[in-house]
Amino acid sequence: KVGETVLFLHSQANRDTRIHLIGGHGDLVWTGGSFDDVPTTNRETWAIAGGEAGAALYTFQQPGLYAYVNHNLIEAIMLGAAAHVSVEGEWNNDLMEQVEEPGPIK
């Protein structure tokens, strides 16, 4: 739901990954795998090295379908390095004005 904060955990066995949340960002991001570290803030994309883990917090501001992807989009699309989060709630025009209802591409 809009307004909920979600913790994303990412563990990568052997390949470097560049995480991107399409439609959102990382409010707080820990790339080194320890919550004892000071997080970076407001990240569009963040790197997780092979053999490491990281975490990110994001509070959803708008409803919609968000894609959590490896920013190497070939891996995201062709190899399935993507996840989707469906967020329900009311659209907030104060954040972004929606000029037309979403619909099929013509």
C-alpha atoms as a PDB file:
ATOM      1  CA  LYS A   1       0.000   0.000   0.000  1.00  0.00           C
ATOM      2  CA  VAL A   2       1.017   3.608  -0.518  1.00  0.00           C
ATOM      3  CA  GLY A   3       2.857   4.839   2.573  1.00  0.00           C
ATOM      4  CA  GLU A   4       4.266   1.442   3.529  1.00  0.00           C
ATOM      5  CA  THR A   5       8.008   1.050   3.937  1.00  0.00           C
ATOM      6  CA  VAL A   6       9.573  -2.088   2.470  1.00  0.00           C
ATOM      7  CA  LEU A   7      12.997  -3.575   3.181  1.00  0.00           C
ATOM      8  CA  PHE A   8      14.634  -5.085   0.096  1.00  0.00           C
ATOM      9  CA  LEU A   9      17.418  -7.604   0.784  1.00  0.00           C
ATOM     10  CA  HIS A  10      19.738  -8.576  -2.045  1.00  0.00           C
ATOM     11  CA  SER A  11      22.348 -11.328  -1.913  1.00  0.00           C
ATOM     12  CA  GLN A  12      24.510 -12.012  -4.925  1.00  0.00           C
ATOM     13  CA  ALA A  13      26.550 -15.214  -5.118  1.00  0.00           C
ATOM     14  CA  ASN A  14      29.084 -14.549  -7.855  1.00  0.00           C
ATOM     15  CA  ARG A  15      28.140 -11.652 -10.168  1.00  0.00           C
ATOM     16  CA  ASP A  16      28.231  -7.916  -9.574  1.00  0.00           C
ATOM     17  CA  THR A  17      24.759  -6.380  -9.740  1.00  0.00           C
ATOM     18  CA  ARG A  18      23.510  -2.820 -10.119  1.00  0.00           C
ATOM     19  CA  ILE A  19      20.119  -2.625  -8.431  1.00  0.00           C
ATOM     20  CA  HIS A  20      17.460  -0.193  -9.638  1.00  0.00           C
ATOM     21  CA  LEU A  21      13.858   0.195  -8.474  1.00  0.00           C
ATOM     22  CA  ILE A  22      11.959   1.477 -11.511  1.00  0.00           C
ATOM     23  CA  GLY A  23       9.439   4.005 -10.240  1.00  0.00           C
ATOM     24  CA  GLY A  24      11.214   4.466  -6.918  1.00  0.00           C
ATOM     25  CA  HIS A  25      14.628   4.632  -5.314  1.00  0.00           C
ATOM     26  CA  GLY A  26      16.480   3.550  -2.204  1.00  0.00           C
ATOM     27  CA  ASP A  27      15.584   5.922   0.646  1.00  0.00           C
ATOM     28  CA  LEU A  28      18.284   4.262   2.767  1.00  0.00           C
ATOM     29  CA  VAL A  29      20.802   1.851   1.228  1.00  0.00           C
ATOM     30  CA  TRP A  30      23.362  -0.418   2.897  1.00  0.00           C
ATOM     31  CA  THR A  31      25.609  -1.848   0.169  1.00  0.00           C
ATOM     32  CA  GLY A  32      28.120  -3.572   2.445  1.00  0.00           C
ATOM     33  CA  GLY A  33      25.743  -6.011   4.099  1.00  0.00           C
ATOM     34  CA  SER A  34      25.845  -4.540   7.620  1.00  0.00           C
ATOM     35  CA  PHE A  35      23.146  -2.463   9.280  1.00  0.00           C
ATOM     36  CA  ASP A  36      25.915  -1.137  11.570  1.00  0.00           C
ATOM     37  CA  ASP A  37      27.236   0.863   8.588  1.00  0.00           C
ATOM     38  CA  VAL A  38      25.895   4.357   7.890  1.00  0.00           C
ATOM     39  CA  PRO A  39      23.451   4.038   4.964  1.00  0.00           C
ATOM     40  CA  THR A  40      23.615   6.175   1.851  1.00  0.00           C
ATOM     41  CA  THR A  41      20.412   8.022   0.989  1.00  0.00           C
ATOM     42  CA  ASN A  42      18.148   8.598  -2.009  1.00  0.00           C
ATOM     43  CA  ARG A  43      19.953   6.236  -4.385  1.00  0.00           C
ATOM     44  CA  GLU A  44      18.655   5.686  -7.914  1.00  0.00           C
ATOM     45  CA  THR A  45      20.967   2.700  -8.488  1.00  0.00           C
ATOM     46  CA  TRP A  46      23.316   0.893  -6.123  1.00  0.00           C
ATOM     47  CA  ALA A  47      25.945  -1.795  -6.623  1.00  0.00           C
ATOM     48  CA  ILE A  48      26.152  -5.147  -4.848  1.00  0.00           C
ATOM     49  CA  ALA A  49      29.439  -6.938  -5.472  1.00  0.00           C
ATOM     50  CA  GLY A  50      29.534 -10.658  -6.184  1.00  0.00           C
ATOM     51  CA  GLY A  51      29.669 -12.581  -2.908  1.00  0.00           C
ATOM     52  CA  GLU A  52      28.105  -9.735  -0.908  1.00  0.00           C
ATOM     53  CA  ALA A  53      24.679  -8.726   0.308  1.00  0.00           C
ATOM     54  CA  GLY A  54      22.956  -5.383   0.672  1.00  0.00           C
ATOM     55  CA  ALA A  55      19.692  -3.851   1.785  1.00  0.00           C
ATOM     56  CA  ALA A  56      17.504  -0.883   0.912  1.00  0.00           C
ATOM     57  CA  LEU A  57      14.463   0.750   2.499  1.00  0.00           C
ATOM     58  CA  TYR A  58      11.847   2.478   0.368  1.00  0.00           C
ATOM     59  CA  THR A  59       8.521   4.061   1.306  1.00  0.00           C
ATOM     60  CA  PHE A  60       6.105   3.798  -1.616  1.00  0.00           C
ATOM     61  CA  GLN A  61       4.690   7.205  -2.563  1.00  0.00           C
ATOM     62  CA  GLN A  62       2.351   6.284  -5.435  1.00  0.00           C
ATOM     63  CA  PRO A  63       0.302   3.238  -6.435  1.00  0.00           C
ATOM     64  CA  GLY A  64       1.423   1.155  -9.385  1.00  0.00           C
ATOM     65  CA  LEU A  65       3.666  -1.674 -10.491  1.00  0.00           C
ATOM     66  CA  TYR A  66       7.318  -1.173  -9.511  1.00  0.00           C
ATOM     67  CA  ALA A  67      10.121  -3.225 -11.064  1.00  0.00           C
ATOM     68  CA  TYR A  68      13.157  -4.221  -8.969  1.00  0.00           C
ATOM     69  CA  VAL A  69      15.817  -5.000 -11.564  1.00  0.00           C
ATOM     70  CA  ASN A  70      19.491  -5.532 -12.240  1.00  0.00           C
ATOM     71  CA  HIS A  71      20.346  -2.365 -14.182  1.00  0.00           C
ATOM     72  CA  ASN A  72      22.165  -4.614 -16.638  1.00  0.00           C
ATOM     73  CA  LEU A  73      18.812  -4.830 -18.415  1.00  0.00           C
ATOM     74  CA  ILE A  74      19.876  -7.780 -20.572  1.00  0.00           C
ATOM     75  CA  GLU A  75      20.205  -9.840 -17.378  1.00  0.00           C
ATOM     76  CA  ALA A  76      17.012  -8.329 -15.981  1.00  0.00           C
ATOM     77  CA  ILE A  77      14.881  -9.200 -19.006  1.00  0.00           C
ATOM     78  CA  MET A  78      16.556 -12.206 -20.641  1.00  0.00           C
ATOM     79  CA  LEU A  79      17.755 -13.996 -17.491  1.00  0.00           C
ATOM     80  CA  GLY A  80      14.946 -13.068 -15.099  1.00  0.00           C
ATOM     81  CA  ALA A  81      16.932 -10.762 -12.806  1.00  0.00           C
ATOM     82  CA  ALA A  82      13.782  -8.791 -11.978  1.00  0.00           C
ATOM     83  CA  ALA A  83      10.979  -8.737  -9.433  1.00  0.00           C
ATOM     84  CA  HIS A  84       7.741  -6.759  -9.335  1.00  0.00           C
ATOM     85  CA  VAL A  85       5.951  -5.039  -6.463  1.00  0.00           C
ATOM     86  CA  SER A  86       2.284  -4.094  -6.859  1.00  0.00           C
ATOM     87  CA  VAL A  87       1.329  -1.102  -4.708  1.00  0.00           C
ATOM     88  CA  GLU A  88      -2.295  -0.184  -4.018  1.00  0.00           C
ATOM     89  CA  GLY A  89      -3.630   3.175  -2.916  1.00  0.00           C
ATOM     90  CA  GLU A  90      -4.757   6.594  -4.060  1.00  0.00           C
ATOM     91  CA  TRP A  91      -2.789   8.585  -6.637  1.00  0.00           C
ATOM     92  CA  ASN A  92      -1.263  11.791  -5.211  1.00  0.00           C
ATOM     93  CA  ASN A  93      -1.278  14.561  -7.838  1.00  0.00           C
ATOM     94  CA  ASP A  94       0.778  16.764  -5.479  1.00  0.00           C
ATOM     95  CA  LEU A  95       3.743  14.439  -6.159  1.00  0.00           C
ATOM     96  CA  MET A  96       3.139  13.819  -9.856  1.00  0.00           C
ATOM     97  CA  GLU A  97       0.131  14.927 -11.847  1.00  0.00           C
ATOM     98  CA  GLN A  98      -1.523  12.156 -13.793  1.00  0.00           C
ATOM     99  CA  VAL A  99      -2.909  13.790 -16.937  1.00  0.00           C
ATOM    100  CA  GLU A 100      -4.489  10.626 -18.321  1.00  0.00           C
ATOM    101  CA  GLU A 101      -5.589   7.309 -16.824  1.00  0.00           C
ATOM    102  CA  PRO A 102      -3.219   4.428 -17.628  1.00  0.00           C
ATOM    103  CA  GLY A 103      -4.407   2.229 -20.457  1.00  0.00           C
ATOM    104  CA  PRO A 104      -3.313   0.093 -23.379  1.00  0.00           C
ATOM    105  CA  ILE A 105      -0.683   1.498 -25.735  1.00  0.00           C
ATOM    106  CA  LYS A 106      -2.334   2.464 -29.006  1.00  0.00           C
END
